[in-house]
């Protein structure tokens, strides 16, 4: 690690937005000794909940917020003698825990509501409290840690389709829609504040489309924020673009006025689709997706995908031929496939897959 001011990157995004790419870049930086392991411990969420709602249960059904925060601090080596939490106390804990190198905070709670097993919930009020606490730290002055932001969105229709394909047995489609809408509403609150406070240099905003089609340019901007070079030959695929056309379950959201309006705010405009065209569009996209999934499979087994790239893990084959091909290749080749190796890396970085 460099002997410089620690840099703490808040990754403002949501699962399903193509987050595997940034995650992969930071895992590689960690392996190179240039970044700490990716954070999933919810420091700012637990700190704000302990400050504003200490006796409520926003994380675990049997552990209140203040105890969750204290446990996080103790786990990171802080010797705490009091349960009295103030803003300054939180800021001091933050600077003691994250005191060296580069960090990526990959906390979904920054921009999205959540329903947790056991009845615990993360609401818009909790999101607002956390955001304001982070803003207070940014305006505090004489900070020992430099906070910056990577802000990423995805075509909202693709986003819902991707989450539905992966989690339809866990979350209802409308619940997925509400989480995506919530995150699209919260992103501008960060950007507006940072712009008004002349902190434009503290964040990079980008879309998944930018990563897929203009990766070198986005890599330049990311480097400017994190202070370390990232690889330019990162494998990307058009598989992530317009994926929603192969997921007929999301077609009704083209008539969702709130959803369509939010998408338009980010530059995504959709044409109305006549019901008689559904089958044609689905079939057309199914063929396109079959071709791309097949290419990704061959690239994976030929070793053309970067070690830290999760594309074979995140994009599960949905069309028939690639599913059959993948199983055949797995049996024919003795070496473990790219997906299995990447999952080992996820566990190392405190992420269950």
Protein backbone atom coordinates (compact mmCIF):
# COMPACT_ATOMS: atom_id res chain seq x y z
CA UNK A 1 0.00 0.00 0.00
CA UNK A 2 1.12 3.56 -0.59
CA UNK A 3 1.93 5.70 2.41
CA UNK A 4 -0.65 8.36 1.57
CA UNK A 5 -4.04 9.56 2.75
CA UNK A 6 -6.46 6.61 2.76
CA UNK A 7 -9.06 6.70 -0.02
CA UNK A 8 -12.53 5.33 0.67
CA UNK A 9 -14.67 4.75 -2.42
CA UNK A 10 -18.43 4.54 -1.96
CA UNK A 11 -19.86 2.47 -4.80
CA UNK A 12 -23.37 3.85 -5.36
CA UNK A 13 -25.21 1.23 -7.34
CA UNK A 14 -27.35 -1.88 -7.00
CA UNK A 15 -26.93 -5.57 -7.76
CA UNK A 16 -27.85 -6.28 -11.35
CA UNK A 17 -26.37 -3.03 -12.67
CA UNK A 18 -23.27 -4.76 -14.01
CA UNK A 19 -21.43 -4.34 -10.72
CA UNK A 20 -19.33 -7.45 -11.32
CA UNK A 21 -17.00 -5.41 -13.53
CA UNK A 22 -15.98 -2.88 -10.88
CA UNK A 23 -15.85 -5.65 -8.30
CA UNK A 24 -13.49 -7.62 -10.54
CA UNK A 25 -11.20 -4.62 -11.08
CA UNK A 26 -10.89 -4.05 -7.34
CA UNK A 27 -10.27 -7.73 -6.60
CA UNK A 28 -7.36 -7.59 -9.04
CA UNK A 29 -6.04 -4.43 -7.37
CA UNK A 30 -6.20 -6.25 -4.03
CA UNK A 31 -4.24 -9.19 -5.42
CA UNK A 32 -1.63 -6.68 -6.63
CA UNK A 33 -1.38 -5.16 -3.14
CA UNK A 34 -2.90 -1.85 -4.28
CA UNK A 35 -6.29 -2.07 -2.52
CA UNK A 36 -7.87 -3.60 0.55
CA UNK A 37 -10.47 -6.35 0.28
CA UNK A 38 -13.86 -5.15 -0.87
CA UNK A 39 -16.05 -4.01 2.03
CA UNK A 40 -19.51 -5.43 2.67
CA UNK A 41 -19.77 -4.56 6.36
CA UNK A 42 -22.13 -1.55 6.04
CA UNK A 43 -20.15 0.91 8.17
CA UNK A 44 -22.12 4.04 7.25
CA UNK A 45 -25.45 2.23 7.33
CA UNK A 46 -24.84 0.76 10.78
CA UNK A 47 -23.34 4.00 12.09
CA UNK A 48 -26.29 6.13 10.96
CA UNK A 49 -28.82 3.61 12.28
CA UNK A 50 -27.01 3.53 15.65
CA UNK A 51 -27.09 7.33 15.75
CA UNK A 52 -30.69 7.95 14.71
CA UNK A 53 -32.47 4.72 15.67
CA UNK A 54 -30.26 2.90 18.19
CA UNK A 55 -32.95 0.61 19.60
CA UNK A 56 -34.54 -0.42 16.32
CA UNK A 57 -33.70 -3.51 14.26
CA UNK A 58 -32.67 -2.59 10.72
CA UNK A 59 -30.08 -5.35 10.22
CA UNK A 60 -30.92 -8.39 12.31
CA UNK A 61 -34.22 -9.29 13.92
CA UNK A 62 -32.60 -10.07 17.28
CA UNK A 63 -29.78 -7.49 17.43
CA UNK A 64 -30.56 -3.79 17.69
CA UNK A 65 -28.79 -1.12 15.66
CA UNK A 66 -26.46 0.13 18.38
CA UNK A 67 -25.21 -3.38 19.09
CA UNK A 68 -24.69 -4.04 15.37
CA UNK A 69 -22.52 -0.95 15.11
CA UNK A 70 -20.56 -1.76 18.25
CA UNK A 71 -19.94 -5.28 17.01
CA UNK A 72 -18.59 -3.91 13.71
CA UNK A 73 -16.21 -1.60 15.59
CA UNK A 74 -14.98 -4.33 17.94
CA UNK A 75 -14.48 -6.71 15.02
CA UNK A 76 -12.16 -4.09 13.55
CA UNK A 77 -10.09 -3.83 16.72
CA UNK A 78 -11.63 -0.84 18.49
CA UNK A 79 -11.82 -1.04 22.29
CA UNK A 80 -15.19 0.57 23.05
CA UNK A 81 -16.13 1.56 26.57
CA UNK A 82 -19.40 3.38 25.89
CA UNK A 83 -22.58 2.90 23.91
CA UNK A 84 -23.07 6.64 23.53
CA UNK A 85 -22.88 7.46 19.83
CA UNK A 86 -22.45 10.94 18.35
CA UNK A 87 -21.50 12.11 14.89
CA UNK A 88 -17.97 12.94 15.96
CA UNK A 89 -17.64 9.56 17.67
CA UNK A 90 -18.68 7.86 14.42
CA UNK A 91 -16.21 9.92 12.39
CA UNK A 92 -13.39 9.00 14.79
CA UNK A 93 -14.28 5.30 14.54
CA UNK A 94 -14.34 5.57 10.75
CA UNK A 95 -10.87 7.09 10.64
CA UNK A 96 -9.43 4.53 13.05
CA UNK A 97 -10.80 1.51 11.16
CA UNK A 98 -10.12 2.52 7.55
CA UNK A 99 -6.71 4.04 8.08
CA UNK A 100 -4.57 2.70 5.26
CA UNK A 101 -4.75 2.34 1.50
CA UNK A 102 -7.68 2.09 -0.91
CA UNK A 103 -11.15 0.77 0.00
CA UNK A 104 -14.25 -0.01 -2.05
CA UNK A 105 -17.44 0.08 0.03
CA UNK A 106 -19.95 -2.08 -1.85
CA UNK A 107 -23.02 -1.48 0.32
CA UNK A 108 -26.41 -1.84 -1.38
CA UNK A 109 -28.09 0.19 1.36
CA UNK A 110 -26.66 3.50 0.12
CA UNK A 111 -29.34 3.87 -2.53
CA UNK A 112 -31.94 1.14 -2.11
CA UNK A 113 -34.63 -0.07 0.27
CA UNK A 114 -34.31 -3.64 1.55
CA UNK A 115 -36.45 -6.24 3.26
CA UNK A 116 -34.37 -8.54 5.44
CA UNK A 117 -35.24 -12.00 6.71
CA UNK A 118 -36.89 -11.88 10.13
CA UNK A 119 -38.81 -8.68 9.48
CA UNK A 120 -35.95 -6.14 9.54
CA UNK A 121 -36.32 -3.39 6.92
CA UNK A 122 -34.14 -0.68 5.39
CA UNK A 123 -36.35 2.24 4.40
CA UNK A 124 -36.03 5.55 2.57
CA UNK A 125 -35.73 7.31 5.93
CA UNK A 126 -32.71 5.14 6.75
CA UNK A 127 -31.19 5.92 3.34
CA UNK A 128 -31.65 9.68 3.88
CA UNK A 129 -30.11 9.54 7.36
CA UNK A 130 -27.06 7.68 6.10
CA UNK A 131 -26.56 9.99 3.14
CA UNK A 132 -26.76 13.08 5.34
CA UNK A 133 -24.24 11.60 7.78
CA UNK A 134 -21.80 11.01 4.92
CA UNK A 135 -22.37 14.59 3.72
CA UNK A 136 -21.64 15.87 7.24
CA UNK A 137 -18.32 14.05 7.18
CA UNK A 138 -17.45 15.51 3.78
CA UNK A 139 -18.12 19.03 5.09
CA UNK A 140 -16.35 18.48 8.41
CA UNK A 141 -12.89 19.60 7.32
CA UNK A 142 -9.48 18.22 8.33
CA UNK A 143 -10.60 14.69 7.51
CA UNK A 144 -8.01 11.93 7.64
CA UNK A 145 -9.76 9.92 4.92
CA UNK A 146 -10.57 10.99 1.38
CA UNK A 147 -14.10 9.88 0.41
CA UNK A 148 -14.95 9.57 -3.29
CA UNK A 149 -17.79 7.98 -5.27
CA UNK A 150 -18.25 5.62 -8.19
CA UNK A 151 -21.84 5.98 -9.37
CA UNK A 152 -23.19 3.42 -11.80
CA UNK A 153 -26.56 2.81 -13.42
CA UNK A 154 -27.89 0.47 -16.07
CA UNK A 155 -30.71 0.57 -18.59
CA UNK A 156 -33.60 0.16 -16.10
CA UNK A 157 -35.41 -2.45 -18.20
CA UNK A 158 -32.23 -4.50 -18.47
CA UNK A 159 -31.69 -4.03 -14.76
CA UNK A 160 -35.07 -5.47 -13.77
CA UNK A 161 -34.71 -8.31 -16.28
CA UNK A 162 -31.26 -9.23 -14.94
CA UNK A 163 -32.40 -9.26 -11.31
CA UNK A 164 -35.50 -11.24 -12.19
CA UNK A 165 -33.48 -13.89 -14.02
CA UNK A 166 -31.19 -14.33 -11.02
CA UNK A 167 -33.55 -13.87 -8.08
CA UNK A 168 -37.09 -14.65 -9.24
CA UNK A 169 -37.34 -17.45 -6.67
CA UNK A 170 -36.38 -15.05 -3.88
CA UNK A 171 -38.02 -11.72 -4.78
CA UNK A 172 -41.32 -10.88 -6.44
CA UNK A 173 -41.03 -8.95 -9.71
CA UNK A 174 -42.73 -5.87 -8.24
CA UNK A 175 -40.30 -5.89 -5.33
CA UNK A 176 -37.40 -5.90 -7.80
CA UNK A 177 -39.04 -3.03 -9.68
CA UNK A 178 -39.41 -0.99 -6.47
CA UNK A 179 -35.76 -1.44 -5.55
CA UNK A 180 -34.61 -0.29 -8.99
CA UNK A 181 -36.94 2.73 -8.87
CA UNK A 182 -35.70 3.63 -5.38
CA UNK A 183 -32.07 3.55 -6.46
CA UNK A 184 -32.78 5.65 -9.56
CA UNK A 185 -34.42 8.26 -7.31
CA UNK A 186 -31.54 8.33 -4.81
CA UNK A 187 -28.60 8.64 -7.19
CA UNK A 188 -29.40 12.32 -8.11
CA UNK A 189 -29.44 13.29 -4.42
CA UNK A 190 -25.74 12.47 -4.18
CA UNK A 191 -24.85 14.08 -7.49
CA UNK A 192 -26.75 17.29 -6.72
CA UNK A 193 -25.05 17.70 -3.33
CA UNK A 194 -21.57 17.04 -4.68
CA UNK A 195 -22.09 19.48 -7.54
CA UNK A 196 -23.47 22.19 -5.24
CA UNK A 197 -20.52 21.77 -2.86
CA UNK A 198 -17.98 22.04 -5.69
CA UNK A 199 -17.01 18.41 -5.17
CA UNK A 200 -17.39 17.35 -8.78
CA UNK A 201 -13.88 15.87 -8.72
CA UNK A 202 -14.98 13.43 -6.03
CA UNK A 203 -17.20 11.30 -8.23
CA UNK A 204 -17.46 9.51 -11.55
CA UNK A 205 -20.90 8.77 -12.99
CA UNK A 206 -21.20 6.12 -15.69
CA UNK A 207 -23.61 3.66 -17.26
CA UNK A 208 -23.07 -0.02 -17.96
CA UNK A 209 -23.33 0.91 -21.66
CA UNK A 210 -20.25 3.11 -21.19
CA UNK A 211 -18.27 0.22 -19.71
CA UNK A 212 -19.24 -2.17 -22.51
CA UNK A 213 -18.68 0.20 -25.45
CA UNK A 214 -16.17 2.75 -24.08
CA UNK A 215 -14.23 0.91 -21.42
CA UNK A 216 -10.83 2.65 -21.91
CA UNK A 217 -12.44 6.08 -21.44
CA UNK A 218 -14.27 4.94 -18.29
CA UNK A 219 -11.08 3.31 -17.01
CA UNK A 220 -9.32 6.69 -17.33
CA UNK A 221 -11.97 8.33 -15.15
CA UNK A 222 -11.90 5.54 -12.57
CA UNK A 223 -8.12 5.81 -12.36
CA UNK A 224 -8.47 9.52 -11.70
CA UNK A 225 -10.64 8.76 -8.68
CA UNK A 226 -8.83 5.77 -7.17
CA UNK A 227 -5.25 6.78 -7.97
CA UNK A 228 -4.22 3.40 -9.44
CA UNK A 229 -4.13 2.06 -13.01
CA UNK A 230 -6.64 -0.60 -14.04
CA UNK A 231 -6.29 -3.03 -16.91
CA UNK A 232 -7.41 -1.82 -20.34
CA UNK A 233 -8.05 -5.27 -21.84
CA UNK A 234 -10.91 -6.16 -19.50
CA UNK A 235 -13.30 -8.55 -21.24
CA UNK A 236 -16.77 -7.11 -21.80
CA UNK A 237 -19.73 -8.42 -23.77
CA UNK A 238 -22.86 -7.04 -25.43
CA UNK A 239 -24.73 -9.80 -23.60
CA UNK A 240 -25.62 -7.19 -20.95
CA UNK A 241 -27.17 -4.76 -23.44
CA UNK A 242 -30.91 -4.91 -24.25
CA UNK A 243 -31.21 -8.15 -22.32
CA UNK A 244 -34.75 -7.21 -21.34
CA UNK A 245 -36.08 -8.12 -24.78
CA UNK A 246 -35.49 -11.79 -23.93
CA UNK A 247 -37.44 -11.50 -20.68
CA UNK A 248 -41.14 -11.13 -21.53
CA UNK A 249 -42.04 -10.76 -17.85
CA UNK A 250 -40.76 -7.17 -17.82
CA UNK A 251 -42.64 -5.99 -20.92
CA UNK A 252 -45.58 -4.62 -18.85
CA UNK A 253 -43.27 -2.03 -17.27
CA UNK A 254 -43.28 -0.17 -20.57
CA UNK A 255 -46.70 1.04 -19.39
CA UNK A 256 -45.46 2.02 -15.92
CA UNK A 257 -45.44 5.83 -16.06
CA UNK A 258 -43.20 6.38 -13.03
CA UNK A 259 -40.69 3.81 -14.19
CA UNK A 260 -40.60 5.05 -17.80
CA UNK A 261 -40.22 8.67 -16.63
CA UNK A 262 -37.27 7.81 -14.39
CA UNK A 263 -35.62 5.87 -17.21
CA UNK A 264 -36.03 8.89 -19.50
CA UNK A 265 -34.28 11.09 -16.91
CA UNK A 266 -31.18 8.94 -17.48
CA UNK A 267 -31.52 8.97 -21.26
CA UNK A 268 -33.35 5.65 -21.75
CA UNK A 269 -36.48 6.01 -23.85
CA UNK A 270 -38.61 3.04 -24.88
CA UNK A 271 -41.00 2.61 -27.76
CA UNK A 272 -44.36 1.10 -27.00
CA UNK A 273 -44.58 -2.53 -28.09
CA UNK A 274 -47.79 -3.94 -29.46
CA UNK A 275 -48.75 -7.20 -27.83
CA UNK A 276 -48.82 -8.87 -31.23
CA UNK A 277 -45.06 -8.09 -31.54
CA UNK A 278 -44.02 -9.73 -28.26
CA UNK A 279 -43.28 -13.14 -29.78
CA UNK A 280 -41.26 -11.70 -32.68
CA UNK A 281 -39.10 -9.51 -30.42
CA UNK A 282 -38.56 -12.34 -27.97
CA UNK A 283 -37.51 -14.76 -30.72
CA UNK A 284 -35.16 -12.21 -32.30
CA UNK A 285 -33.46 -11.50 -28.97
CA UNK A 286 -33.32 -15.23 -28.13
CA UNK A 287 -31.27 -15.85 -31.27
CA UNK A 288 -28.96 -12.90 -30.58
CA UNK A 289 -28.47 -14.03 -27.02
CA UNK A 290 -27.74 -17.62 -28.07
CA UNK A 291 -24.92 -16.40 -30.31
CA UNK A 292 -23.39 -14.14 -27.66
CA UNK A 293 -23.67 -16.72 -24.86
CA UNK A 294 -21.98 -19.30 -27.11
CA UNK A 295 -19.10 -16.90 -27.82
CA UNK A 296 -18.65 -16.17 -24.10
CA UNK A 297 -18.51 -19.91 -23.33
CA UNK A 298 -15.80 -20.55 -25.92
CA UNK A 299 -13.84 -17.48 -24.80
CA UNK A 300 -14.03 -18.75 -21.23
CA UNK A 301 -12.68 -22.21 -21.99
CA UNK A 302 -10.04 -20.82 -24.36
CA UNK A 303 -8.70 -18.61 -21.57
CA UNK A 304 -9.64 -15.32 -23.21
CA UNK A 305 -11.46 -13.97 -20.16
CA UNK A 306 -9.48 -12.24 -17.44
CA UNK A 307 -8.95 -14.19 -14.22
CA UNK A 308 -10.84 -11.61 -12.17
CA UNK A 309 -13.76 -11.32 -14.60
CA UNK A 310 -17.07 -12.79 -13.39
CA UNK A 311 -18.97 -12.79 -16.67
CA UNK A 312 -19.42 -16.58 -16.65
CA UNK A 313 -20.72 -16.44 -13.08
CA UNK A 314 -23.09 -13.50 -13.39
CA UNK A 315 -24.52 -14.33 -16.82
CA UNK A 316 -26.11 -17.73 -16.47
CA UNK A 317 -26.96 -19.26 -19.82
CA UNK A 318 -30.66 -18.85 -20.51
CA UNK A 319 -30.82 -20.23 -24.04
CA UNK A 320 -30.77 -23.97 -24.72
CA UNK A 321 -27.70 -24.51 -26.90
CA UNK A 322 -25.23 -22.63 -24.64
CA UNK A 323 -26.51 -24.58 -21.60
CA UNK A 324 -25.86 -27.89 -23.36
CA UNK A 325 -22.50 -26.72 -24.69
CA UNK A 326 -21.34 -25.57 -21.27
CA UNK A 327 -22.17 -28.94 -19.69
CA UNK A 328 -20.39 -30.85 -22.46
CA UNK A 329 -17.24 -28.75 -22.18
CA UNK A 330 -17.24 -29.11 -18.39
CA UNK A 331 -17.20 -32.89 -18.74
CA UNK A 332 -14.66 -32.98 -21.56
CA UNK A 333 -12.13 -30.66 -19.95
CA UNK A 334 -10.43 -31.75 -16.76
CA UNK A 335 -9.49 -28.25 -15.60
CA UNK A 336 -11.95 -26.30 -13.48
CA UNK A 337 -13.86 -23.74 -15.49
CA UNK A 338 -13.59 -19.98 -15.18
CA UNK A 339 -16.80 -19.66 -13.17
CA UNK A 340 -15.64 -22.02 -10.40
CA UNK A 341 -12.30 -20.26 -10.06
CA UNK A 342 -13.98 -16.87 -9.87
CA UNK A 343 -16.34 -18.05 -7.13
CA UNK A 344 -13.30 -18.90 -5.01
CA UNK A 345 -12.18 -15.28 -5.37
CA UNK A 346 -15.61 -14.03 -4.30
CA UNK A 347 -15.39 -15.99 -1.06
CA UNK A 348 -11.97 -14.48 -0.42
CA UNK A 349 -13.54 -11.04 -0.74
CA UNK A 350 -16.31 -11.74 1.80
CA UNK A 351 -19.00 -12.30 -0.84
CA UNK A 352 -21.22 -15.35 -1.02
CA UNK A 353 -22.30 -16.30 -4.51
